[in-house]
């Protein structure tokens, strides 16, 4: 879901790979040419813990693909969210956030 009037929204898909999880983030409305940091944070949107639990590769042109060293089951065991920041130079401004949950 978009945050702070960014107009950026989308979805993330998480896939189990043994002791790892592949995280694919797709966002619409992202600025061209701007790399946006994204992370997995403890908590739920919009009140995530500001300290990331897992770093993800930067969102570029609306997409990020990362394999993190944590089982999907562990990510689903407690409230967690994926949070996207405006840019490397403005980490305090969140532009999108989505809770991690099983469907």
PDB file of N, CA and C in Angstrom:
ATOM      1  N   UNK A   1       0.839  -1.176   0.000  1.00  0.00           N
ATOM      2  CA  UNK A   1       0.000   0.000   0.000  1.00  0.00           C
ATOM      3  C   UNK A   1       0.888   1.245   0.000  1.00  0.00           C
ATOM      4  N   UNK A   2       0.424   2.246  -0.698  1.00  0.00           N
ATOM      5  CA  UNK A   2       1.151   3.512  -0.760  1.00  0.00           C
ATOM      6  C   UNK A   2       1.150   4.193   0.605  1.00  0.00           C
ATOM      7  N   UNK A   3       2.220   4.912   0.886  1.00  0.00           N
ATOM      8  CA  UNK A   3       2.327   5.698   2.113  1.00  0.00           C
ATOM      9  C   UNK A   3       2.816   7.094   1.776  1.00  0.00           C
ATOM     10  N   UNK A   4       2.429   8.045   2.609  1.00  0.00           N
ATOM     11  CA  UNK A   4       2.891   9.435   2.510  1.00  0.00           C
ATOM     12  C   UNK A   4       2.633  10.058   1.142  1.00  0.00           C
ATOM     13  N   UNK A   5       1.508   9.699   0.522  1.00  0.00           N
ATOM     14  CA  UNK A   5       1.116  10.299  -0.749  1.00  0.00           C
ATOM     15  C   UNK A   5       2.006   9.936  -1.919  1.00  0.00           C
ATOM     16  N   UNK A   6       2.748   8.836  -1.823  1.00  0.00           N
ATOM     17  CA  UNK A   6       3.717   8.473  -2.860  1.00  0.00           C
ATOM     18  C   UNK A   6       3.066   7.996  -4.161  1.00  0.00           C
ATOM     19  N   UNK A   7       1.885   7.407  -4.073  1.00  0.00           N
ATOM     20  CA  UNK A   7       1.263   6.807  -5.256  1.00  0.00           C
ATOM     21  C   UNK A   7       1.901   5.486  -5.654  1.00  0.00           C
ATOM     22  N   UNK A   8       2.833   4.990  -4.848  1.00  0.00           N
ATOM     23  CA  UNK A   8       3.504   3.719  -5.127  1.00  0.00           C
ATOM     24  C   UNK A   8       2.801   2.590  -4.387  1.00  0.00           C
ATOM     25  N   UNK A   9       2.347   1.603  -5.140  1.00  0.00           N
ATOM     26  CA  UNK A   9       1.703   0.450  -4.522  1.00  0.00           C
ATOM     27  C   UNK A   9       1.986  -0.774  -5.371  1.00  0.00           C
ATOM     28  N   UNK A  10       1.750  -1.937  -4.826  1.00  0.00           N
ATOM     29  CA  UNK A  10       2.006  -3.160  -5.557  1.00  0.00           C
ATOM     30  C   UNK A  10       1.846  -4.365  -4.666  1.00  0.00           C
ATOM     31  N   UNK A  11       2.730  -5.345  -4.856  1.00  0.00           N
ATOM     32  CA  UNK A  11       2.642  -6.582  -4.091  1.00  0.00           C
ATOM     33  C   UNK A  11       4.024  -7.221  -4.004  1.00  0.00           C
ATOM     34  N   UNK A  12       4.119  -8.179  -3.097  1.00  0.00           N
ATOM     35  CA  UNK A  12       5.337  -8.974  -2.965  1.00  0.00           C
ATOM     36  C   UNK A  12       4.937 -10.443  -2.921  1.00  0.00           C
ATOM     37  N   UNK A  13       5.753 -11.267  -3.514  1.00  0.00           N
ATOM     38  CA  UNK A  13       5.559 -12.711  -3.477  1.00  0.00           C
ATOM     39  C   UNK A  13       6.766 -13.304  -2.763  1.00  0.00           C
ATOM     40  N   UNK A  14       6.510 -14.232  -1.847  1.00  0.00           N
ATOM     41  CA  UNK A  14       7.572 -14.890  -1.099  1.00  0.00           C
ATOM     42  C   UNK A  14       7.500 -16.384  -1.381  1.00  0.00           C
ATOM     43  N   UNK A  15       8.646 -16.969  -1.730  1.00  0.00           N
ATOM     44  CA  UNK A  15       8.718 -18.373  -2.111  1.00  0.00           C
ATOM     45  C   UNK A  15       9.724 -19.096  -1.228  1.00  0.00           C
ATOM     46  N   UNK A  16       9.327 -20.248  -0.645  1.00  0.00           N
ATOM     47  CA  UNK A  16      10.265 -21.004   0.180  1.00  0.00           C
ATOM     48  C   UNK A  16      11.317 -21.713  -0.672  1.00  0.00           C
ATOM     49  N   UNK A  17      12.554 -21.706  -0.185  1.00  0.00           N
ATOM     50  CA  UNK A  17      13.669 -22.424  -0.801  1.00  0.00           C
ATOM     51  C   UNK A  17      14.518 -23.017   0.322  1.00  0.00           C
ATOM     52  N   UNK A  18      14.003 -24.051   0.962  1.00  0.00           N
ATOM     53  CA  UNK A  18      14.723 -24.667   2.080  1.00  0.00           C
ATOM     54  C   UNK A  18      14.891 -23.690   3.220  1.00  0.00           C
ATOM     55  N   UNK A  19      16.142 -23.413   3.593  1.00  0.00           N
ATOM     56  CA  UNK A  19      16.421 -22.488   4.695  1.00  0.00           C
ATOM     57  C   UNK A  19      16.366 -21.029   4.261  1.00  0.00           C
ATOM     58  N   UNK A  20      16.001 -20.780   3.005  1.00  0.00           N
ATOM     59  CA  UNK A  20      15.958 -19.433   2.441  1.00  0.00           C
ATOM     60  C   UNK A  20      14.550 -19.103   1.957  1.00  0.00           C
ATOM     61  N   UNK A  21      14.321 -17.816   1.722  1.00  0.00           N
ATOM     62  CA  UNK A  21      13.073 -17.347   1.123  1.00  0.00           C
ATOM     63  C   UNK A  21      13.415 -16.376   0.013  1.00  0.00           C
ATOM     64  N   UNK A  22      12.816 -16.586  -1.149  1.00  0.00           N
ATOM     65  CA  UNK A  22      12.984 -15.659  -2.274  1.00  0.00           C
ATOM     66  C   UNK A  22      11.868 -14.628  -2.198  1.00  0.00           C
ATOM     67  N   UNK A  23      12.231 -13.355  -2.206  1.00  0.00           N
ATOM     68  CA  UNK A  23      11.279 -12.247  -2.072  1.00  0.00           C
ATOM     69  C   UNK A  23      11.304 -11.437  -3.363  1.00  0.00           C
ATOM     70  N   UNK A  24      10.150 -11.357  -4.016  1.00  0.00           N
ATOM     71  CA  UNK A  24      10.020 -10.582  -5.245  1.00  0.00           C
ATOM     72  C   UNK A  24       9.015  -9.465  -4.984  1.00  0.00           C
ATOM     73  N   UNK A  25       9.475  -8.227  -5.119  1.00  0.00           N
ATOM     74  CA  UNK A  25       8.638  -7.047  -4.887  1.00  0.00           C
ATOM     75  C   UNK A  25       8.336  -6.401  -6.235  1.00  0.00           C
ATOM     76  N   UNK A  26       7.050  -6.105  -6.477  1.00  0.00           N
ATOM     77  CA  UNK A  26       6.609  -5.396  -7.683  1.00  0.00           C
ATOM     78  C   UNK A  26       5.854  -4.140  -7.244  1.00  0.00           C
ATOM     79  N   UNK A  27       6.297  -2.976  -7.701  1.00  0.00           N
ATOM     80  CA  UNK A  27       5.622  -1.723  -7.366  1.00  0.00           C
ATOM     81  C   UNK A  27       5.270  -0.952  -8.628  1.00  0.00           C
ATOM     82  N   UNK A  28       4.111  -0.346  -8.622  1.00  0.00           N
ATOM     83  CA  UNK A  28       3.695   0.565  -9.684  1.00  0.00           C
ATOM     84  C   UNK A  28       3.851   1.987  -9.178  1.00  0.00           C
ATOM     85  N   UNK A  29       4.157   2.898 -10.083  1.00  0.00           N
ATOM     86  CA  UNK A  29       4.257   4.311  -9.722  1.00  0.00           C
ATOM     87  C   UNK A  29       5.597   4.716  -9.165  1.00  0.00           C
ATOM     88  N   UNK A  30       6.624   3.882  -9.331  1.00  0.00           N
ATOM     89  CA  UNK A  30       7.945   4.227  -8.808  1.00  0.00           C
ATOM     90  C   UNK A  30       8.623   5.253  -9.714  1.00  0.00           C
ATOM     91  N   UNK A  31       9.474   6.091  -9.146  1.00  0.00           N
ATOM     92  CA  UNK A  31      10.187   7.069  -9.966  1.00  0.00           C
ATOM     93  C   UNK A  31      11.257   6.393 -10.832  1.00  0.00           C
ATOM     94  N   UNK A  32      11.377   6.835 -12.050  1.00  0.00           N
ATOM     95  CA  UNK A  32      12.371   6.263 -12.964  1.00  0.00           C
ATOM     96  C   UNK A  32      13.776   6.684 -12.540  1.00  0.00           C
ATOM     97  N   UNK A  33      14.683   5.719 -12.584  1.00  0.00           N
ATOM     98  CA  UNK A  33      16.080   6.015 -12.306  1.00  0.00           C
ATOM     99  C   UNK A  33      16.445   6.174 -10.841  1.00  0.00           C
ATOM    100  N   UNK A  34      15.496   5.984  -9.936  1.00  0.00           N
ATOM    101  CA  UNK A  34      15.763   6.120  -8.504  1.00  0.00           C
ATOM    102  C   UNK A  34      15.739   4.732  -7.870  1.00  0.00           C
ATOM    103  N   UNK A  35      16.825   4.356  -7.226  1.00  0.00           N
ATOM    104  CA  UNK A  35      16.875   3.093  -6.491  1.00  0.00           C
ATOM    105  C   UNK A  35      16.286   3.316  -5.101  1.00  0.00           C
ATOM    106  N   UNK A  36      15.338   2.465  -4.726  1.00  0.00           N
ATOM    107  CA  UNK A  36      14.652   2.629  -3.447  1.00  0.00           C
ATOM    108  C   UNK A  36      14.954   1.453  -2.522  1.00  0.00           C
ATOM    109  N   UNK A  37      15.515   1.730  -1.342  1.00  0.00           N
ATOM    110  CA  UNK A  37      15.778   0.668  -0.385  1.00  0.00           C
ATOM    111  C   UNK A  37      14.478   0.034   0.121  1.00  0.00           C
ATOM    112  N   UNK A  38      14.512  -1.271   0.296  1.00  0.00           N
ATOM    113  CA  UNK A  38      13.383  -1.975   0.898  1.00  0.00           C
ATOM    114  C   UNK A  38      13.908  -3.045   1.834  1.00  0.00           C
ATOM    115  N   UNK A  39      13.132  -3.309   2.872  1.00  0.00           N
ATOM    116  CA  UNK A  39      13.553  -4.221   3.935  1.00  0.00           C
ATOM    117  C   UNK A  39      12.350  -4.971   4.479  1.00  0.00           C
ATOM    118  N   UNK A  40      12.636  -6.059   5.170  1.00  0.00           N
ATOM    119  CA  UNK A  40      11.619  -6.745   5.965  1.00  0.00           C
ATOM    120  C   UNK A  40      11.809  -6.264   7.395  1.00  0.00           C
ATOM    121  N   UNK A  41      10.729  -5.742   7.958  1.00  0.00           N
ATOM    122  CA  UNK A  41      10.755  -5.188   9.316  1.00  0.00           C
ATOM    123  C   UNK A  41       9.820  -5.979  10.225  1.00  0.00           C
ATOM    124  N   UNK A  42      10.149  -6.094  11.512  1.00  0.00           N
ATOM    125  CA  UNK A  42       9.190  -6.615  12.473  1.00  0.00           C
ATOM    126  C   UNK A  42       8.021  -5.630  12.592  1.00  0.00           C
ATOM    127  N   UNK A  43       6.837  -6.154  12.851  1.00  0.00           N
ATOM    128  CA  UNK A  43       5.664  -5.310  13.038  1.00  0.00           C
ATOM    129  C   UNK A  43       4.765  -5.315  11.822  1.00  0.00           C
ATOM    130  N   UNK A  44       3.748  -4.465  11.875  1.00  0.00           N
ATOM    131  CA  UNK A  44       2.778  -4.359  10.787  1.00  0.00           C
ATOM    132  C   UNK A  44       2.671  -2.906  10.337  1.00  0.00           C
ATOM    133  N   UNK A  45       2.210  -2.736   9.115  1.00  0.00           N
ATOM    134  CA  UNK A  45       2.054  -1.396   8.543  1.00  0.00           C
ATOM    135  C   UNK A  45       0.899  -0.671   9.217  1.00  0.00           C
ATOM    136  N   UNK A  46       1.007   0.591   9.454  1.00  0.00           N
ATOM    137  CA  UNK A  46       2.107   1.484   9.134  1.00  0.00           C
ATOM    138  C   UNK A  46       3.117   1.643  10.271  1.00  0.00           C
ATOM    139  N   UNK A  47       3.030   0.797  11.304  1.00  0.00           N
ATOM    140  CA  UNK A  47       3.870   0.978  12.498  1.00  0.00           C
ATOM    141  C   UNK A  47       4.939  -0.092  12.618  1.00  0.00           C
ATOM    142  N   UNK A  48       5.789  -0.206  11.605  1.00  0.00           N
ATOM    143  CA  UNK A  48       6.862  -1.197  11.664  1.00  0.00           C
ATOM    144  C   UNK A  48       7.968  -0.740  12.606  1.00  0.00           C
ATOM    145  N   UNK A  49       8.699  -1.692  13.124  1.00  0.00           N
ATOM    146  CA  UNK A  49       9.895  -1.386  13.894  1.00  0.00           C
ATOM    147  C   UNK A  49      10.891  -0.755  12.928  1.00  0.00           C
ATOM    148  N   UNK A  50      11.455   0.402  13.220  1.00  0.00           N
ATOM    149  CA  UNK A  50      12.346   1.062  12.263  1.00  0.00           C
ATOM    150  C   UNK A  50      13.637   0.291  11.979  1.00  0.00           C
ATOM    151  N   UNK A  51      13.992  -0.654  12.830  1.00  0.00           N
ATOM    152  CA  UNK A  51      15.204  -1.443  12.596  1.00  0.00           C
ATOM    153  C   UNK A  51      14.855  -2.667  11.747  1.00  0.00           C
ATOM    154  N   UNK A  52      15.398  -2.769  10.532  1.00  0.00           N
ATOM    155  CA  UNK A  52      15.067  -3.897   9.651  1.00  0.00           C
ATOM    156  C   UNK A  52      15.545  -5.232  10.215  1.00  0.00           C
ATOM    157  N   UNK A  53      14.763  -6.270   9.947  1.00  0.00           N
ATOM    158  CA  UNK A  53      15.168  -7.633  10.295  1.00  0.00           C
ATOM    159  C   UNK A  53      15.983  -8.246   9.166  1.00  0.00           C
ATOM    160  N   UNK A  54      15.627  -7.906   7.914  1.00  0.00           N
ATOM    161  CA  UNK A  54      16.302  -8.451   6.737  1.00  0.00           C
ATOM    162  C   UNK A  54      16.394  -7.378   5.665  1.00  0.00           C
ATOM    163  N   UNK A  55      17.571  -7.258   5.092  1.00  0.00           N
ATOM    164  CA  UNK A  55      17.790  -6.308   4.009  1.00  0.00           C
ATOM    165  C   UNK A  55      17.363  -6.956   2.689  1.00  0.00           C
ATOM    166  N   UNK A  56      16.736  -6.182   1.824  1.00  0.00           N
ATOM    167  CA  UNK A  56      16.370  -6.642   0.485  1.00  0.00           C
ATOM    168  C   UNK A  56      17.141  -5.829  -0.539  1.00  0.00           C
ATOM    169  N   UNK A  57      17.282  -6.366  -1.732  1.00  0.00           N
ATOM    170  CA  UNK A  57      17.920  -5.616  -2.810  1.00  0.00           C
ATOM    171  C   UNK A  57      17.063  -4.405  -3.160  1.00  0.00           C
ATOM    172  N   UNK A  58      17.690  -3.360  -3.633  1.00  0.00           N
ATOM    173  CA  UNK A  58      16.995  -2.116  -3.961  1.00  0.00           C
ATOM    174  C   UNK A  58      15.894  -2.334  -4.997  1.00  0.00           C
ATOM    175  N   UNK A  59      14.793  -1.606  -4.828  1.00  0.00           N
ATOM    176  CA  UNK A  59      13.745  -1.576  -5.847  1.00  0.00           C
ATOM    177  C   UNK A  59      14.236  -0.665  -6.964  1.00  0.00           C
ATOM    178  N   UNK A  60      14.320  -1.200  -8.171  1.00  0.00           N
ATOM    179  CA  UNK A  60      14.722  -0.419  -9.344  1.00  0.00           C
ATOM    180  C   UNK A  60      13.675  -0.631 -10.415  1.00  0.00           C
ATOM    181  N   UNK A  61      13.167   0.468 -10.949  1.00  0.00           N
ATOM    182  CA  UNK A  61      12.112   0.402 -11.969  1.00  0.00           C
ATOM    183  C   UNK A  61      10.959  -0.497 -11.521  1.00  0.00           C
ATOM    184  N   UNK A  62      10.619  -0.400 -10.243  1.00  0.00           N
ATOM    185  CA  UNK A  62       9.451  -1.090  -9.712  1.00  0.00           C
ATOM    186  C   UNK A  62       9.655  -2.538  -9.329  1.00  0.00           C
ATOM    187  N   UNK A  63      10.887  -3.020  -9.306  1.00  0.00           N
ATOM    188  CA  UNK A  63      11.090  -4.439  -9.014  1.00  0.00           C
ATOM    189  C   UNK A  63      12.340  -4.666  -8.156  1.00  0.00           C
ATOM    190  N   UNK A  64      12.217  -5.632  -7.251  1.00  0.00           N
ATOM    191  CA  UNK A  64      13.320  -6.069  -6.412  1.00  0.00           C
ATOM    192  C   UNK A  64      13.223  -7.580  -6.259  1.00  0.00           C
ATOM    193  N   UNK A  65      14.350  -8.267  -6.396  1.00  0.00           N
ATOM    194  CA  UNK A  65      14.402  -9.717  -6.193  1.00  0.00           C
ATOM    195  C   UNK A  65      15.555 -10.011  -5.241  1.00  0.00           C
ATOM    196  N   UNK A  66      15.250 -10.718  -4.144  1.00  0.00           N
ATOM    197  CA  UNK A  66      16.244 -11.015  -3.121  1.00  0.00           C
ATOM    198  C   UNK A  66      15.997 -12.401  -2.555  1.00  0.00           C
ATOM    199  N   UNK A  67      17.057 -13.089  -2.232  1.00  0.00           N
ATOM    200  CA  UNK A  67      16.949 -14.336  -1.467  1.00  0.00           C
ATOM    201  C   UNK A  67      17.523 -14.056  -0.082  1.00  0.00           C
ATOM    202  N   UNK A  68      16.693 -14.244   0.947  1.00  0.00           N
ATOM    203  CA  UNK A  68      17.114 -13.976   2.324  1.00  0.00           C
ATOM    204  C   UNK A  68      17.285 -15.287   3.082  1.00  0.00           C
ATOM    205  N   UNK A  69      18.216 -15.283   4.028  1.00  0.00           N
ATOM    206  CA  UNK A  69      18.512 -16.490   4.795  1.00  0.00           C
ATOM    207  C   UNK A  69      17.571 -16.599   5.986  1.00  0.00           C
ATOM    208  N   UNK A  70      16.335 -16.947   5.692  1.00  0.00           N
ATOM    209  CA  UNK A  70      15.325 -17.207   6.716  1.00  0.00           C
ATOM    210  C   UNK A  70      14.235 -18.058   6.062  1.00  0.00           C
ATOM    211  N   UNK A  71      13.717 -18.990   6.799  1.00  0.00           N
ATOM    212  CA  UNK A  71      12.636 -19.832   6.275  1.00  0.00           C
ATOM    213  C   UNK A  71      11.343 -19.013   6.196  1.00  0.00           C
ATOM    214  N   UNK A  72      10.558 -19.287   5.168  1.00  0.00           N
ATOM    215  CA  UNK A  72       9.277 -18.596   5.014  1.00  0.00           C
ATOM    216  C   UNK A  72       8.406 -18.813   6.243  1.00  0.00           C
ATOM    217  N   UNK A  73       8.431 -20.007   6.783  1.00  0.00           N
ATOM    218  CA  UNK A  73       7.638 -20.312   7.981  1.00  0.00           C
ATOM    219  C   UNK A  73       7.971 -19.348   9.127  1.00  0.00           C
ATOM    220  N   UNK A  74       9.246 -18.999   9.262  1.00  0.00           N
ATOM    221  CA  UNK A  74       9.660 -18.061  10.319  1.00  0.00           C
ATOM    222  C   UNK A  74       9.136 -16.656  10.040  1.00  0.00           C
ATOM    223  N   UNK A  75       9.098 -16.256   8.770  1.00  0.00           N
ATOM    224  CA  UNK A  75       8.565 -14.927   8.422  1.00  0.00           C
ATOM    225  C   UNK A  75       7.068 -14.840   8.687  1.00  0.00           C
ATOM    226  N   UNK A  76       6.390 -15.970   8.597  1.00  0.00           N
ATOM    227  CA  UNK A  76       4.945 -15.991   8.821  1.00  0.00           C
ATOM    228  C   UNK A  76       4.577 -16.207  10.286  1.00  0.00           C
ATOM    229  N   UNK A  77       5.553 -16.557  11.112  1.00  0.00           N
ATOM    230  CA  UNK A  77       5.285 -16.904  12.511  1.00  0.00           C
ATOM    231  C   UNK A  77       4.989 -15.704  13.403  1.00  0.00           C
ATOM    232  N   UNK A  78       5.453 -14.527  13.007  1.00  0.00           N
ATOM    233  CA  UNK A  78       5.200 -13.327  13.811  1.00  0.00           C
ATOM    234  C   UNK A  78       4.946 -12.164  12.853  1.00  0.00           C
ATOM    235  N   UNK A  79       4.337 -11.097  13.323  1.00  0.00           N
ATOM    236  CA  UNK A  79       4.039  -9.975  12.427  1.00  0.00           C
ATOM    237  C   UNK A  79       5.304  -9.382  11.799  1.00  0.00           C
ATOM    238  N   UNK A  80       5.317  -9.355  10.466  1.00  0.00           N
ATOM    239  CA  UNK A  80       6.428  -8.793   9.699  1.00  0.00           C
ATOM    240  C   UNK A  80       5.840  -8.035   8.509  1.00  0.00           C
ATOM    241  N   UNK A  81       6.613  -7.079   7.995  1.00  0.00           N
ATOM    242  CA  UNK A  81       6.152  -6.275   6.854  1.00  0.00           C
ATOM    243  C   UNK A  81       7.341  -5.921   5.962  1.00  0.00           C
ATOM    244  N   UNK A  82       7.030  -5.670   4.694  1.00  0.00           N
ATOM    245  CA  UNK A  82       8.032  -5.159   3.760  1.00  0.00           C
ATOM    246  C   UNK A  82       7.788  -3.670   3.623  1.00  0.00           C
ATOM    247  N   UNK A  83       8.848  -2.901   3.827  1.00  0.00           N
ATOM    248  CA  UNK A  83       8.758  -1.451   3.826  1.00  0.00           C
ATOM    249  C   UNK A  83       9.705  -0.894   2.765  1.00  0.00           C
ATOM    250  N   UNK A  84       9.231   0.059   1.969  1.00  0.00           N
ATOM    251  CA  UNK A  84      10.043   0.671   0.922  1.00  0.00           C
ATOM    252  C   UNK A  84      10.265   2.142   1.275  1.00  0.00           C
ATOM    253  N   UNK A  85      11.522   2.568   1.151  1.00  0.00           N
ATOM    254  CA  UNK A  85      11.905   3.945   1.456  1.00  0.00           C
ATOM    255  C   UNK A  85      11.981   4.761   0.169  1.00  0.00           C
ATOM    256  N   UNK A  86      11.840   6.069   0.288  1.00  0.00           N
ATOM    257  CA  UNK A  86      11.842   6.937  -0.893  1.00  0.00           C
ATOM    258  C   UNK A  86      13.137   6.830  -1.692  1.00  0.00           C
ATOM    259  N   UNK A  87      14.270   6.875  -1.013  1.00  0.00           N
ATOM    260  CA  UNK A  87      15.570   6.813  -1.698  1.00  0.00           C
ATOM    261  C   UNK A  87      16.644   6.586  -0.650  1.00  0.00           C
ATOM    262  N   UNK A  88      17.855   6.336  -1.106  1.00  0.00           N
ATOM    263  CA  UNK A  88      18.977   6.188  -0.171  1.00  0.00           C
ATOM    264  C   UNK A  88      19.222   7.468   0.607  1.00  0.00           C
ATOM    265  N   UNK A  89      18.925   8.605  -0.013  1.00  0.00           N
ATOM    266  CA  UNK A  89      19.164   9.887   0.657  1.00  0.00           C
ATOM    267  C   UNK A  89      17.998  10.308   1.562  1.00  0.00           C
ATOM    268  N   UNK A  90      16.852   9.627   1.456  1.00  0.00           N
ATOM    269  CA  UNK A  90      15.713   9.937   2.325  1.00  0.00           C
ATOM    270  C   UNK A  90      15.125   8.639   2.874  1.00  0.00           C
ATOM    271  N   UNK A  91      15.852   8.029   3.786  1.00  0.00           N
ATOM    272  CA  UNK A  91      15.443   6.760   4.387  1.00  0.00           C
ATOM    273  C   UNK A  91      14.300   6.925   5.385  1.00  0.00           C
ATOM    274  N   UNK A  92      14.078   8.134   5.861  1.00  0.00           N
ATOM    275  CA  UNK A  92      13.031   8.345   6.849  1.00  0.00           C
ATOM    276  C   UNK A  92      11.639   8.401   6.228  1.00  0.00           C
ATOM    277  N   UNK A  93      11.565   8.637   4.921  1.00  0.00           N
ATOM    278  CA  UNK A  93      10.261   8.717   4.261  1.00  0.00           C
ATOM    279  C   UNK A  93       9.915   7.364   3.648  1.00  0.00           C
ATOM    280  N   UNK A  94       8.836   6.762   4.170  1.00  0.00           N
ATOM    281  CA  UNK A  94       8.350   5.487   3.648  1.00  0.00           C
ATOM    282  C   UNK A  94       7.376   5.765   2.511  1.00  0.00           C
ATOM    283  N   UNK A  95       7.525   5.028   1.403  1.00  0.00           N
ATOM    284  CA  UNK A  95       6.638   5.237   0.249  1.00  0.00           C
ATOM    285  C   UNK A  95       5.661   4.087   0.043  1.00  0.00           C
ATOM    286  N   UNK A  96       5.965   2.915   0.601  1.00  0.00           N
ATOM    287  CA  UNK A  96       5.052   1.779   0.490  1.00  0.00           C
ATOM    288  C   UNK A  96       5.336   0.798   1.618  1.00  0.00           C
ATOM    289  N   UNK A  97       4.297   0.089   2.024  1.00  0.00           N
ATOM    290  CA  UNK A  97       4.436  -0.892   3.094  1.00  0.00           C
ATOM    291  C   UNK A  97       3.392  -1.972   2.889  1.00  0.00           C
ATOM    292  N   UNK A  98       3.779  -3.213   3.142  1.00  0.00           N
ATOM    293  CA  UNK A  98       2.841  -4.330   3.045  1.00  0.00           C
ATOM    294  C   UNK A  98       3.137  -5.379   4.090  1.00  0.00           C
ATOM    295  N   UNK A  99       2.097  -5.819   4.780  1.00  0.00           N
ATOM    296  CA  UNK A  99       2.245  -6.868   5.785  1.00  0.00           C
ATOM    297  C   UNK A  99       2.495  -8.207   5.107  1.00  0.00           C
ATOM    298  N   UNK A 100       3.332  -9.026   5.698  1.00  0.00           N
ATOM    299  CA  UNK A 100       3.596 -10.373   5.184  1.00  0.00           C
ATOM    300  C   UNK A 100       2.574 -11.303   5.838  1.00  0.00           C
ATOM    301  N   UNK A 101       1.823 -11.995   4.995  1.00  0.00           N
ATOM    302  CA  UNK A 101       0.837 -12.946   5.504  1.00  0.00           C
ATOM    303  C   UNK A 101       0.596 -14.029   4.469  1.00  0.00           C
ATOM    304  N   UNK A 102       0.162 -15.177   4.927  1.00  0.00           N
ATOM    305  CA  UNK A 102      -0.112 -16.304   4.037  1.00  0.00           C
ATOM    306  C   UNK A 102      -1.458 -16.095   3.358  1.00  0.00           C
ATOM    307  N   UNK A 103      -1.528 -16.518   2.118  1.00  0.00           N
ATOM    308  CA  UNK A 103      -2.805 -16.471   1.378  1.00  0.00           C
ATOM    309  C   UNK A 103      -3.181 -17.847   0.926  1.00  0.00           C
TER     310      UNK A 103
END
